[in-house]
Amino acid sequence: MDSDPKEIELKLRVDPEDMAVLRSHPDFAAVLHDPAIEAQVSVYFDSDDLFLRGHGLTLRVRHIGEERIQTIKSAHRGSGIFERSEWEQPIEGDRPNLASVTDTALGPVLTDDIRGALKPIFETRIERTTYRLNGNDTDIALAFDNGRIVAGDSSCTVSEIELELKHGNPAELFKLARAIGDLVPAQLDVKSKSERGYDLVENAPAAAEKAYEPELSAGIGAGRAFTLIGRACLRQLLANEPGTIKRDAEALHQMRIALRRLRAAISLFSGVVSDDRVEAIKAELKWLGREFAPARDLDSLLIEVLRPLRKQQANEPGFTSISRMFARERLKSYRRAREAVQSSRFRTLVLDTAEWIETGPWCTSDDPLLSARRTVPIETLAAEQLSRRRKKIRRRGVEIGELSPEQLHQLRIQIKKARYAAEFFAHVYQGKKAEKRCEKFRSALKQLQNCLGGFNDIMTRKALCADILARPGRSLTAEQNRHRAFAAGLIMGDQQAQIARLLDRAAKAHSRFDQAKPFWR
C-alpha cells in the first residue's frame, strides 16, 4: 500500500430539503447523471479508552453489499478539513484485518494489547449517491450522503455533500462548492462523520473548541506553514459556530480568538501571502469580528463585574435595573452574532477564506519573488518575526505607565500578535533549552496580554456606563433613572480603581518579558 496517500475533499452541510432542491435544479441537471447509489454501513473500531482517537486515527470496516473495505485515516484536526492521509484495502470478514497495516499510520502504535482491545464502538448508516464530474482536466466525485450515525442508544442525522478530488486542480473543488452555495445554503463543515460518532460515544455536552497549534517542523517552507496555521484557525472558527448560535459565551469567545489568530497569521506571513485578494479577506474577517464584539463585551460586563457587584450591593435597586438592561442588550447582541454566522455573507467568507488559504494567488503564482518567499524555511521567517516584534514590545513597554489608552491598545495588539507567533512557531525549535525558554517567553506575553486586555475591558465598560448617564431611560421614572445612574457610577468607580493595579502588574510582566531569552536562537 502507498505509505502516505492523500485524500483531498470538501464537506458541505446541507439541509435535507435543500439537498432535494439541488439535485433537481436545472443548473445541475446537465452534470448530475449516471448516479452510483450505495447503501453503506461503516463500523468504526477502537478500544474502550479510545486509544486510536487519542492518536488521531480512525479504523473502520465499510459494508457495501457483500464487499468489505477497511480504511485507516490519519489527520490533525486542522489539516483534516481538506487533506487526510488514507489507507484503504478490501478485506474478508467484518472485523479489521491487521496483518498488513505496518506501512500505515496505525502500524507504529499497534501493540498486541491494542489489537486485543479493538471492538466496534459506533457505526454510520448512509445512503450515498455519487456522481463523477469531469472537465478542465479534473475528476471530482460529488456525493450526497443521507443517513444516521449510531452509537448505542444515541444517534444523529447526516445530511451532507462531499466533494472529493480524484485528479486535477483543487481550485475546481471550491468552484463547485461555490456553485452549490449559490443555489442552496451550504456551510463548509469541519467535523467528519467519525468525529461526530466519537462525540456520541463520549456522550458529553458539546464543548467550545479551543485553539491548537499545528506541529510545524524546521525545514518546511513558509507557504506550507501558513496553510497549516490557516487551516487550524478556520477549524476553530467553524467548530464553535453551533455553540455561538445557541448563545454559548465560551463558543463565541473561541470564534473571536480564531478570527484574531487568523488575522495575526496573515500579518506574520504578510510577505508570503501578499496578493490581490488578501485585503478583501482581511476586510471580511474584520466585519465578522465587529459582529461578535458587543456580545462578548456584555458577557464580560455581566459575568465579571455586575454579578459580584450585585452581591456586594444587594440593597441598591439600581443594580437590578442596570443588570436587566444589559441582559436585554446582551440578547440583542447575541441575535446579531447568530444572524451573522447564519448569513450567506458568513458562508461566503468561510469558503472564500478557505479557498484563498488553499489555492489563492499567493500560493499558486509563478512569480519568482512569491515563489521564493513561499519556500523560505519556516525557522528563518519565524526568527525574523519574533525578533522584530520582541524588540518593539521591549522598547515600547518600558513606558507602559505613561502611555495613553490608545497607545496601550496598540501595544496590546503587538503583544497579542507576538504571543500568537510564539504559539505558532513553538514546535519549530526543538530541545529542552528551547522549550524552557519558549515557555517563559509565552508566559510573560500571556500575562502582559491579560493585563492590557483587562485595561481595555475597563475602558469599554466605562464607556457603556457613561452612555447610561448621558441617555436616561425614557420608560423610567426620575427616581429609577437616579438609581440606575448611581449604579453606573459605582461600576465606573469600581473599574477605575483597578487601573493602577493592572498597569503595575503589566509593568512587572513586561520586566519578566524583557528578561526572557529568545527561544529561536
Protein backbone atom coordinates (compact mmCIF):
# COMPACT_ATOMS: atom_id res chain seq x y z
CA MET A 1 0.00 0.00 0.00
CA ASP A 2 1.00 3.61 -0.59
CA SER A 3 2.69 4.79 2.60
CA ASP A 4 1.10 8.22 2.54
CA PRO A 5 -1.76 8.59 0.04
CA LYS A 6 -3.72 11.83 0.39
CA GLU A 7 -7.46 12.37 0.22
CA ILE A 8 -8.44 15.94 -0.69
CA GLU A 9 -12.07 16.83 -0.11
CA LEU A 10 -14.58 19.45 0.98
CA LYS A 11 -17.59 18.69 3.10
CA LEU A 12 -20.72 20.84 2.93
CA ARG A 13 -23.53 20.72 5.49
CA VAL A 14 -26.87 20.99 3.69
CA ASP A 15 -30.44 20.58 4.97
CA PRO A 16 -32.23 17.51 3.53
CA GLU A 17 -34.90 19.62 1.78
CA ASP A 18 -32.17 21.73 0.15
CA MET A 19 -30.44 18.55 -0.95
CA ALA A 20 -33.56 17.63 -2.94
CA VAL A 21 -33.78 21.15 -4.42
CA LEU A 22 -30.17 20.98 -5.57
CA ARG A 23 -30.46 17.56 -7.19
CA SER A 24 -33.44 18.68 -9.26
CA HIS A 25 -32.16 22.17 -10.08
CA PRO A 26 -31.85 22.91 -13.82
CA ASP A 27 -28.31 24.25 -13.38
CA PHE A 28 -27.18 20.81 -12.17
CA ALA A 29 -29.38 18.62 -14.36
CA ALA A 30 -26.77 18.59 -17.13
CA VAL A 31 -23.94 17.34 -14.92
CA LEU A 32 -25.72 15.11 -12.40
CA HIS A 33 -26.20 11.95 -14.42
CA ASP A 34 -25.36 8.25 -14.18
CA PRO A 35 -25.51 8.16 -10.37
CA ALA A 36 -23.97 5.33 -8.38
CA ILE A 37 -26.21 4.59 -5.39
CA GLU A 38 -24.84 2.62 -2.45
CA ALA A 39 -26.17 1.65 0.94
CA GLN A 40 -23.09 1.93 3.17
CA VAL A 41 -22.77 0.69 6.73
CA SER A 42 -19.41 1.64 8.23
CA VAL A 43 -18.38 0.15 11.56
CA TYR A 44 -15.70 2.04 13.50
CA PHE A 45 -13.32 0.21 15.83
CA ASP A 46 -11.42 1.43 18.88
CA SER A 47 -10.63 0.42 22.45
CA ASP A 48 -12.71 1.31 25.50
CA ASP A 49 -10.30 4.13 26.32
CA LEU A 50 -10.49 5.41 22.68
CA PHE A 51 -6.78 4.86 22.08
CA LEU A 52 -6.98 5.37 18.32
CA ARG A 53 -8.92 8.62 18.69
CA GLY A 54 -6.26 9.86 21.09
CA HIS A 55 -3.63 9.24 18.41
CA GLY A 56 -5.57 10.99 15.63
CA LEU A 57 -6.50 7.74 13.89
CA THR A 58 -9.70 6.09 12.71
CA LEU A 59 -10.20 2.46 11.72
CA ARG A 60 -13.38 1.37 10.01
CA VAL A 61 -14.78 -1.53 8.04
CA ARG A 62 -17.32 -0.43 5.42
CA HIS A 63 -20.02 -2.85 4.28
CA ILE A 64 -21.29 -2.36 0.72
CA GLY A 65 -23.41 -5.40 -0.08
CA GLU A 66 -21.13 -8.39 0.33
CA GLU A 67 -17.98 -6.29 -0.11
CA ARG A 68 -15.86 -5.21 2.88
CA ILE A 69 -13.45 -2.27 2.68
CA GLN A 70 -11.04 -1.50 5.52
CA THR A 71 -9.95 2.13 5.85
CA ILE A 72 -7.40 3.77 8.13
CA LYS A 73 -7.30 7.56 8.27
CA SER A 74 -4.92 9.94 9.95
CA ALA A 75 -5.34 13.68 10.22
CA HIS A 76 -4.52 16.58 12.51
CA ARG A 77 -7.70 18.48 13.27
CA GLY A 78 -6.69 21.48 11.23
CA SER A 79 -5.26 19.85 8.11
CA GLY A 80 -8.11 17.33 8.16
CA ILE A 81 -10.50 19.98 6.89
CA PHE A 82 -9.18 19.47 3.38
CA GLU A 83 -6.46 16.83 3.43
CA ARG A 84 -6.13 13.49 5.14
CA SER A 85 -3.83 10.52 4.85
CA GLU A 86 -5.86 7.44 3.94
CA TRP A 87 -5.07 3.74 3.52
CA GLU A 88 -7.77 1.55 2.02
CA GLN A 89 -7.96 -2.13 1.12
CA PRO A 90 -10.58 -4.85 0.55
CA ILE A 91 -10.72 -7.48 3.28
CA GLU A 92 -12.59 -10.65 4.13
CA GLY A 93 -14.93 -10.65 7.09
CA ASP A 94 -16.49 -7.97 9.30
CA ARG A 95 -13.53 -7.35 11.60
CA PRO A 96 -10.37 -5.44 10.72
CA ASN A 97 -7.52 -7.33 9.09
CA LEU A 98 -4.44 -6.01 10.90
CA ALA A 99 -1.91 -8.25 9.19
CA SER A 100 -0.96 -5.69 6.55
CA VAL A 101 -1.12 -2.31 8.30
CA THR A 102 2.58 -1.98 9.12
CA ASP A 103 3.12 0.71 6.49
CA THR A 104 0.14 2.79 7.61
CA ALA A 105 -0.14 5.37 10.39
CA LEU A 106 -1.69 2.65 12.54
CA GLY A 107 1.36 0.38 12.35
CA PRO A 108 3.70 2.20 14.78
CA VAL A 109 1.12 2.28 17.62
CA LEU A 110 -0.47 -1.16 17.12
CA THR A 111 0.66 -3.30 20.06
CA ASP A 112 -0.68 -6.74 20.95
CA ASP A 113 -2.73 -5.17 23.75
CA ILE A 114 -4.34 -2.70 21.36
CA ARG A 115 -5.07 -5.44 18.85
CA GLY A 116 -6.91 -7.37 21.52
CA ALA A 117 -8.81 -4.32 22.79
CA LEU A 118 -10.28 -3.19 19.46
CA LYS A 119 -14.05 -3.54 19.19
CA PRO A 120 -16.97 -1.87 17.35
CA ILE A 121 -17.87 1.42 19.05
CA PHE A 122 -20.23 3.14 16.59
CA GLU A 123 -21.45 2.88 13.02
CA THR A 124 -22.72 5.07 10.22
CA ARG A 125 -25.68 4.05 8.06
CA ILE A 126 -25.58 6.11 4.90
CA GLU A 127 -27.30 6.12 1.55
CA ARG A 128 -24.72 7.61 -0.78
CA THR A 129 -25.50 8.87 -4.27
CA THR A 130 -22.30 9.64 -6.18
CA TYR A 131 -21.77 11.48 -9.44
CA ARG A 132 -18.47 11.83 -11.28
CA LEU A 133 -17.80 15.27 -12.69
CA ASN A 134 -15.10 15.56 -15.33
CA GLY A 135 -13.80 18.63 -17.08
CA ASN A 136 -10.92 21.11 -17.12
CA ASP A 137 -8.56 18.14 -16.67
CA THR A 138 -10.24 17.49 -13.30
CA ASP A 139 -12.09 14.49 -11.91
CA ILE A 140 -14.32 15.13 -8.88
CA ALA A 141 -16.59 12.70 -7.02
CA LEU A 142 -19.70 14.53 -5.79
CA ALA A 143 -21.54 12.50 -3.15
CA PHE A 144 -24.89 13.18 -1.49
CA ASP A 145 -24.91 11.47 1.91
CA ASN A 146 -28.10 10.94 3.90
CA GLY A 147 -28.46 8.72 6.95
CA ARG A 148 -27.58 8.38 10.61
CA ILE A 149 -24.67 7.84 12.95
CA VAL A 150 -25.47 5.38 15.72
CA ALA A 151 -23.60 4.74 18.99
CA GLY A 152 -25.52 2.54 21.40
CA ASP A 153 -28.83 4.28 22.17
CA SER A 154 -27.64 7.61 20.76
CA SER A 155 -27.83 8.75 17.16
CA CYS A 156 -27.74 11.84 14.95
CA THR A 157 -28.67 12.58 11.36
CA VAL A 158 -26.30 13.03 8.44
CA SER A 159 -27.15 15.35 5.55
CA GLU A 160 -24.07 16.48 3.70
CA ILE A 161 -22.34 16.76 0.37
CA GLU A 162 -18.78 15.55 -0.06
CA LEU A 163 -16.62 16.80 -2.89
CA GLU A 164 -13.54 14.60 -3.33
CA LEU A 165 -10.78 15.48 -5.76
CA LYS A 166 -9.73 12.36 -7.63
CA HIS A 167 -7.50 14.19 -10.06
CA GLY A 168 -6.73 17.76 -11.03
CA ASN A 169 -6.66 21.27 -9.57
CA PRO A 170 -8.04 21.72 -6.01
CA ALA A 171 -9.41 25.11 -7.10
CA GLU A 172 -12.09 23.20 -9.02
CA LEU A 173 -13.42 21.83 -5.71
CA PHE A 174 -14.04 25.36 -4.48
CA LYS A 175 -15.56 26.38 -7.80
CA LEU A 176 -18.08 23.54 -7.46
CA ALA A 177 -18.73 24.32 -3.78
CA ARG A 178 -19.41 27.95 -4.71
CA ALA A 179 -21.87 26.88 -7.43
CA ILE A 180 -23.71 24.75 -4.86
CA GLY A 181 -23.72 27.62 -2.35
CA ASP A 182 -25.21 29.94 -4.96
CA LEU A 183 -28.26 27.68 -5.18
CA VAL A 184 -28.85 26.49 -1.61
CA PRO A 185 -27.47 27.40 1.85
CA ALA A 186 -24.40 25.16 2.13
CA GLN A 187 -21.95 25.58 5.02
CA LEU A 188 -18.38 24.32 4.85
CA ASP A 189 -18.16 21.73 7.62
CA VAL A 190 -15.12 20.67 9.62
CA LYS A 191 -16.36 17.66 11.56
CA SER A 192 -16.05 14.29 9.90
CA LYS A 193 -18.58 11.51 10.46
CA SER A 194 -16.05 9.77 12.66
CA GLU A 195 -15.68 12.85 14.89
CA ARG A 196 -19.43 13.09 15.27
CA GLY A 197 -19.56 9.39 16.07
CA TYR A 198 -16.95 9.78 18.79
CA ASP A 199 -18.96 12.70 20.20
CA LEU A 200 -21.92 10.32 20.56
CA VAL A 201 -19.74 7.65 22.18
CA GLU A 202 -18.41 10.09 24.77
CA ASN A 203 -21.96 11.36 25.39
CA ALA A 204 -20.68 14.68 26.69
CA PRO A 205 -22.20 18.11 26.11
CA ALA A 206 -20.68 19.84 23.11
CA ALA A 207 -17.77 21.90 24.42
CA ALA A 208 -16.32 25.02 22.90
CA GLU A 209 -13.26 24.09 20.87
CA LYS A 210 -10.05 25.88 21.79
CA ALA A 211 -7.12 26.64 19.52
CA TYR A 212 -4.42 24.09 18.91
CA GLU A 213 -1.04 24.51 17.32
CA PRO A 214 -0.15 22.63 14.13
CA GLU A 215 3.18 20.94 14.71
CA LEU A 216 5.38 22.83 12.29
CA SER A 217 8.83 21.38 11.82
CA ALA A 218 12.09 23.06 10.87
CA GLY A 219 12.78 22.98 7.17
CA ILE A 220 9.25 23.23 5.82
CA GLY A 221 8.52 26.21 3.61
CA ALA A 222 6.82 29.32 4.94
CA GLY A 223 3.95 28.83 2.48
CA ARG A 224 3.17 25.34 3.75
CA ALA A 225 3.42 26.59 7.34
CA PHE A 226 0.87 29.34 6.70
CA THR A 227 -1.52 26.86 5.10
CA LEU A 228 -1.38 24.59 8.17
CA ILE A 229 -1.87 27.53 10.54
CA GLY A 230 -4.73 28.93 8.44
CA ARG A 231 -6.49 25.57 8.41
CA ALA A 232 -6.22 25.31 12.18
CA CYS A 233 -7.73 28.77 12.64
CA LEU A 234 -10.56 28.02 10.24
CA ARG A 235 -11.23 24.76 12.04
CA GLN A 236 -11.55 26.55 15.38
CA LEU A 237 -13.85 29.19 13.87
CA LEU A 238 -16.27 26.70 12.32
CA ALA A 239 -16.22 24.19 15.18
CA ASN A 240 -17.63 26.87 17.51
CA GLU A 241 -20.39 28.05 15.18
CA PRO A 242 -23.11 25.73 16.62
CA GLY A 243 -22.36 26.87 20.19
CA THR A 244 -22.47 30.53 19.21
CA ILE A 245 -25.89 30.03 17.63
CA LYS A 246 -27.02 28.61 20.99
CA ARG A 247 -25.66 31.70 22.82
CA ASP A 248 -22.78 29.82 24.43
CA ALA A 249 -20.47 32.56 25.73
CA GLU A 250 -17.31 30.41 25.52
CA ALA A 251 -18.06 29.31 21.95
CA LEU A 252 -18.44 32.94 20.89
CA HIS A 253 -15.19 33.77 22.68
CA GLN A 254 -13.39 30.96 20.82
CA MET A 255 -14.75 32.15 17.47
CA ARG A 256 -13.31 35.59 18.24
CA ILE A 257 -9.96 34.03 19.17
CA ALA A 258 -9.95 32.09 15.90
CA LEU A 259 -10.51 35.32 13.99
CA ARG A 260 -7.74 37.12 15.87
CA ARG A 261 -5.31 34.25 15.35
CA LEU A 262 -6.02 34.11 11.62
CA ARG A 263 -5.61 37.86 11.26
CA ALA A 264 -2.36 37.64 13.25
CA ALA A 265 -1.12 34.85 10.97
CA ILE A 266 -1.85 36.98 7.89
CA SER A 267 0.18 39.78 9.48
CA LEU A 268 3.07 37.49 10.44
CA PHE A 269 3.21 36.00 6.94
CA SER A 270 2.41 39.26 5.13
CA GLY A 271 5.44 38.95 2.87
CA VAL A 272 4.37 35.44 1.86
CA VAL A 273 0.61 35.84 1.37
CA SER A 274 0.58 39.24 -0.30
CA ASP A 275 -1.72 39.03 -3.34
CA ASP A 276 -4.71 40.81 -4.87
CA ARG A 277 -7.21 39.02 -2.60
CA VAL A 278 -5.71 39.45 0.84
CA GLU A 279 -7.24 42.86 1.58
CA ALA A 280 -10.75 41.59 0.81
CA ILE A 281 -10.19 38.59 3.09
CA LYS A 282 -8.95 40.83 5.91
CA ALA A 283 -11.93 43.19 5.50
CA GLU A 284 -14.43 40.35 5.84
CA LEU A 285 -12.66 38.92 8.90
CA LYS A 286 -12.84 42.38 10.50
CA TRP A 287 -16.55 42.58 9.69
CA LEU A 288 -17.21 39.30 11.49
CA GLY A 289 -15.17 40.42 14.48
CA ARG A 290 -17.28 43.57 14.73
CA GLU A 291 -20.45 41.49 14.72
CA PHE A 292 -19.17 39.43 17.67
CA ALA A 293 -17.68 42.23 19.77
CA PRO A 294 -20.81 43.63 21.51
CA ALA A 295 -21.94 40.22 22.76
CA ARG A 296 -18.52 39.43 24.16
CA ASP A 297 -18.23 42.86 25.83
CA LEU A 298 -21.60 42.40 27.53
CA ASP A 299 -20.76 38.83 28.58
CA SER A 300 -17.66 40.18 30.29
CA LEU A 301 -19.55 43.04 31.96
CA LEU A 302 -22.40 40.89 33.26
CA ILE A 303 -20.32 37.94 34.43
CA GLU A 304 -17.13 39.57 35.67
CA VAL A 305 -18.44 42.89 37.01
CA LEU A 306 -22.17 43.11 37.62
CA ARG A 307 -22.61 39.67 39.16
CA PRO A 308 -20.13 40.25 42.03
CA LEU A 309 -21.18 43.90 42.50
CA ARG A 310 -24.83 42.91 42.86
CA LYS A 311 -23.85 40.60 45.71
CA GLN A 312 -21.85 43.36 47.37
CA GLN A 313 -24.60 45.96 46.85
CA ALA A 314 -27.64 43.77 47.46
CA ASN A 315 -29.73 46.68 48.74
CA GLU A 316 -29.00 49.01 45.84
CA PRO A 317 -32.04 48.91 43.45
CA GLY A 318 -30.11 50.49 40.60
CA PHE A 319 -28.06 47.31 40.12
CA THR A 320 -31.18 45.24 39.45
CA SER A 321 -32.35 47.75 36.87
CA ILE A 322 -28.97 48.10 35.16
CA SER A 323 -28.43 44.32 35.11
CA ARG A 324 -31.75 43.76 33.39
CA MET A 325 -30.98 46.48 30.87
CA PHE A 326 -27.58 44.98 29.98
CA ALA A 327 -29.09 41.48 29.88
CA ARG A 328 -31.58 42.70 27.27
CA GLU A 329 -28.75 44.30 25.31
CA ARG A 330 -26.81 41.04 25.53
CA LEU A 331 -29.72 39.12 23.98
CA LYS A 332 -29.84 41.66 21.14
CA SER A 333 -26.08 41.32 20.64
CA TYR A 334 -26.31 37.52 20.51
CA ARG A 335 -29.09 37.78 17.95
CA ARG A 336 -26.73 39.94 15.93
CA ALA A 337 -23.93 37.37 16.28
CA ARG A 338 -26.28 34.49 15.42
CA GLU A 339 -27.61 36.30 12.37
CA ALA A 340 -24.04 36.89 11.25
CA VAL A 341 -23.00 33.22 11.39
CA GLN A 342 -26.23 32.09 9.77
CA SER A 343 -25.93 34.59 6.94
CA SER A 344 -24.91 33.99 3.35
CA ARG A 345 -22.15 36.54 3.93
CA PHE A 346 -20.60 34.29 6.59
CA ARG A 347 -20.85 31.22 4.38
CA THR A 348 -19.18 33.14 1.57
CA LEU A 349 -16.49 34.47 3.92
CA VAL A 350 -15.65 30.93 5.08
CA LEU A 351 -15.50 29.49 1.58
CA ASP A 352 -13.53 32.46 0.21
CA THR A 353 -11.04 32.26 3.08
CA ALA A 354 -10.63 28.51 2.75
CA GLU A 355 -10.13 28.80 -0.99
CA TRP A 356 -7.59 31.59 -0.52
CA ILE A 357 -5.65 29.59 2.08
CA GLU A 358 -5.54 26.52 -0.16
CA THR A 359 -5.38 27.85 -3.71
CA GLY A 360 -5.05 31.64 -3.56
CA PRO A 361 -2.76 33.55 -5.92
CA TRP A 362 -0.14 33.80 -3.17
CA CYS A 363 0.42 30.02 -3.24
CA THR A 364 -0.12 29.30 -6.94
CA SER A 365 1.65 32.23 -8.62
CA ASP A 366 4.75 31.53 -10.73
CA ASP A 367 6.14 34.95 -9.86
CA PRO A 368 9.79 34.34 -8.85
CA LEU A 369 9.57 36.61 -5.80
CA LEU A 370 6.40 34.99 -4.43
CA SER A 371 7.80 31.53 -5.15
CA ALA A 372 10.98 32.36 -3.27
CA ARG A 373 9.05 33.71 -0.28
CA ARG A 374 6.92 30.55 -0.10
CA THR A 375 9.97 28.34 0.09
CA VAL A 376 11.84 30.28 2.79
CA PRO A 377 12.42 27.82 5.68
CA ILE A 378 9.91 28.49 8.43
CA GLU A 379 12.64 28.85 11.05
CA THR A 380 14.07 31.78 9.09
CA LEU A 381 10.75 33.62 8.87
CA ALA A 382 9.88 32.78 12.49
CA ALA A 383 13.16 34.13 13.86
CA GLU A 384 12.81 37.36 11.87
CA GLN A 385 9.22 37.95 13.02
CA LEU A 386 9.83 37.03 16.66
CA SER A 387 12.96 39.17 16.88
CA ARG A 388 11.29 42.20 15.32
CA ARG A 389 8.18 42.01 17.48
CA ARG A 390 10.16 41.34 20.65
CA LYS A 391 12.24 44.46 20.00
CA LYS A 392 9.14 46.64 19.57
CA ILE A 393 7.48 45.38 22.74
CA ARG A 394 10.64 45.73 24.83
CA ARG A 395 11.13 49.31 23.65
CA ARG A 396 7.54 50.46 23.92
CA GLY A 397 6.70 48.63 27.14
CA VAL A 398 9.34 50.47 29.17
CA GLU A 399 6.93 53.44 29.25
CA ILE A 400 3.84 51.35 29.99
CA GLY A 401 2.71 53.55 32.89
CA GLU A 402 2.97 56.70 30.77
CA LEU A 403 1.06 55.53 27.69
CA SER A 404 -2.37 56.82 26.72
CA PRO A 405 -5.30 54.38 26.39
CA GLU A 406 -4.89 54.48 22.60
CA GLN A 407 -1.16 53.70 22.87
CA LEU A 408 -1.84 50.89 25.35
CA HIS A 409 -4.38 49.49 22.89
CA GLN A 410 -1.77 49.45 20.11
CA LEU A 411 0.78 47.85 22.43
CA ARG A 412 -1.77 45.17 23.37
CA ILE A 413 -2.26 44.33 19.70
CA GLN A 414 1.51 43.98 19.23
CA ILE A 415 1.72 41.73 22.29
CA LYS A 416 -1.16 39.61 21.05
CA LYS A 417 0.50 39.05 17.67
CA ALA A 418 3.81 38.20 19.33
CA ARG A 419 2.08 35.70 21.62
CA TYR A 420 0.32 34.01 18.71
CA ALA A 421 3.61 33.94 16.82
CA ALA A 422 5.29 32.20 19.76
CA GLU A 423 2.45 29.67 19.84
CA PHE A 424 2.51 29.06 16.09
CA PHE A 425 6.28 28.59 15.98
CA ALA A 426 6.88 26.78 19.29
CA HIS A 427 7.41 23.35 17.68
CA VAL A 428 9.90 24.66 15.11
CA TYR A 429 12.65 24.90 17.74
CA GLN A 430 13.37 21.61 19.47
CA GLY A 431 15.38 20.75 22.58
CA LYS A 432 14.93 21.24 26.32
CA LYS A 433 16.59 24.66 26.37
CA ALA A 434 14.39 25.98 23.57
CA GLU A 435 11.27 24.54 25.20
CA LYS A 436 12.08 26.10 28.57
CA ARG A 437 12.82 29.49 27.05
CA CYS A 438 9.68 29.31 24.92
CA GLU A 439 7.54 28.62 27.96
CA LYS A 440 8.94 31.65 29.82
CA PHE A 441 8.53 33.85 26.75
CA ARG A 442 4.93 32.78 26.19
CA SER A 443 4.06 33.05 29.87
CA ALA A 444 5.30 36.64 30.09
CA LEU A 445 3.42 37.58 26.92
CA LYS A 446 0.24 35.97 28.24
CA GLN A 447 0.49 37.95 31.49
CA LEU A 448 1.10 41.15 29.56
CA GLN A 449 -1.83 40.49 27.25
CA ASN A 450 -4.14 39.68 30.17
CA CYS A 451 -3.22 42.90 31.99
CA LEU A 452 -3.66 45.14 28.97
CA GLY A 453 -6.75 43.20 27.93
CA GLY A 454 -8.17 43.90 31.38
CA PHE A 455 -7.38 47.58 30.93
CA ASN A 456 -9.13 47.57 27.54
CA ASP A 457 -12.18 45.90 29.10
CA ILE A 458 -12.31 48.63 31.74
CA MET A 459 -12.33 51.32 29.06
CA THR A 460 -15.19 49.53 27.27
CA ARG A 461 -17.21 49.10 30.46
CA LYS A 462 -16.75 52.72 31.45
CA ALA A 463 -17.99 53.78 28.01
CA LEU A 464 -21.08 51.57 28.36
CA CYS A 465 -21.86 53.09 31.75
CA ALA A 466 -21.16 56.64 30.57
CA ASP A 467 -23.79 56.09 27.88
CA ILE A 468 -26.35 55.36 30.63
CA LEU A 469 -25.53 58.66 32.31
CA ALA A 470 -25.81 60.51 29.01
CA ARG A 471 -29.09 58.90 27.95
CA PRO A 472 -31.62 58.26 30.76
CA GLY A 473 -34.24 55.58 30.13
CA ARG A 474 -37.41 57.09 28.64
CA SER A 475 -39.68 54.49 30.23
CA LEU A 476 -38.20 55.01 33.72
CA THR A 477 -39.28 57.45 36.40
CA ALA A 478 -36.89 60.15 37.53
CA GLU A 479 -36.18 58.17 40.69
CA GLN A 480 -35.47 54.98 38.74
CA ASN A 481 -33.09 56.87 36.48
CA ARG A 482 -31.29 58.25 39.54
CA HIS A 483 -30.90 54.73 40.95
CA ARG A 484 -29.61 53.44 37.61
CA ALA A 485 -27.21 56.37 37.23
CA PHE A 486 -25.93 55.81 40.77
CA ALA A 487 -25.27 52.11 39.98
CA ALA A 488 -23.50 53.10 36.75
CA GLY A 489 -21.33 55.49 38.73
CA LEU A 490 -20.45 52.72 41.20
CA ILE A 491 -19.45 50.44 38.33
CA MET A 492 -17.26 53.15 36.81
CA GLY A 493 -15.65 53.84 40.17
CA ASP A 494 -15.02 50.13 40.78
CA GLN A 495 -13.40 49.80 37.36
CA GLN A 496 -11.34 52.98 37.68
CA ALA A 497 -9.93 51.74 40.98
CA GLN A 498 -8.45 48.68 39.23
CA ILE A 499 -6.43 50.56 36.63
CA ALA A 500 -3.38 51.34 38.76
CA ARG A 501 -3.12 47.72 39.91
CA LEU A 502 -3.44 46.40 36.35
CA LEU A 503 -0.78 48.75 35.00
CA ASP A 504 1.54 47.85 37.87
CA ARG A 505 1.09 44.16 37.05
CA ALA A 506 1.66 44.94 33.38
CA ALA A 507 4.94 46.71 34.19
CA LYS A 508 6.11 43.67 36.17
CA ALA A 509 5.06 41.32 33.38
CA HIS A 510 6.98 43.49 30.91
CA SER A 511 10.05 43.23 33.11
CA ARG A 512 9.77 39.43 33.02
CA PHE A 513 9.31 39.59 29.26
CA ASP A 514 12.34 41.85 28.92
CA GLN A 515 14.46 39.29 30.75
CA ALA A 516 13.11 36.25 28.86
CA LYS A 517 15.72 34.91 26.46
CA PRO A 518 14.79 34.26 22.83
CA PHE A 519 13.97 30.59 22.24
CA TRP A 520 14.64 30.84 18.50
CA ARG A 521 18.40 31.36 18.70
